[in-house]
Amino acid sequence: MKNKINSLVIIALIAIIGFTIAACDQVDVTEATTNGQLTITGLSAHIGKKIEATHHESTLWLVATGRAENFYQSSDDTSGPEKTYPPTINGDEVILKVFYLKNPQHSNLKGKNNGGYHNYTGNHPNVQFTVHTNEGYVFGSVTVNFTNGIGSGVFVPNP
């Protein structure tokens, strides 16, 4: 009887330790929010394609997509970009959400809300985006002037 009780205590302790370890490595995924918006017109030849646009330069990294998610991993206190969801082109224009990406070379940063996709409200002129499908196929560009994170431009297809 004593051996059965000791065995049950050991099994219970192993279970508690296992659940504790699993809970420590939990990853939380949250919807990224932004006021940034990009309207691209001139897309009627590309109906049915999924679309995203990116702008990368040394001080400004922007991602324009349908929606985006960030992650936070509590075990090492890091956060970063999780996933984007590009919309499908259904007509001549598409409206994308614009996110600012902090520190893209090391996009996983210490702290719960430091890494990942962030609110974009910038005032940047002549921002050139590469327009591509979610599979990475580049099919054109768009140049945009942003005011308070809102901008629009006409799609220019690759030659």
Foldseek 3Di string as FASTA:
>chain_A
DVVVVVVVVVVVVVVVVVVVVVVQFDKDKDWADAPAKEKEFQCAVQAFFFKKKWFDDDPWTKIWAATFMKMATRNQQKIATDDGHTDGDHHGMDMTGMWTAPPVVCQIDHHDPDHYTHYDQDFAAFGKIFMDGPVRHTFFIWTWGGHGNYTYTYTDGDD
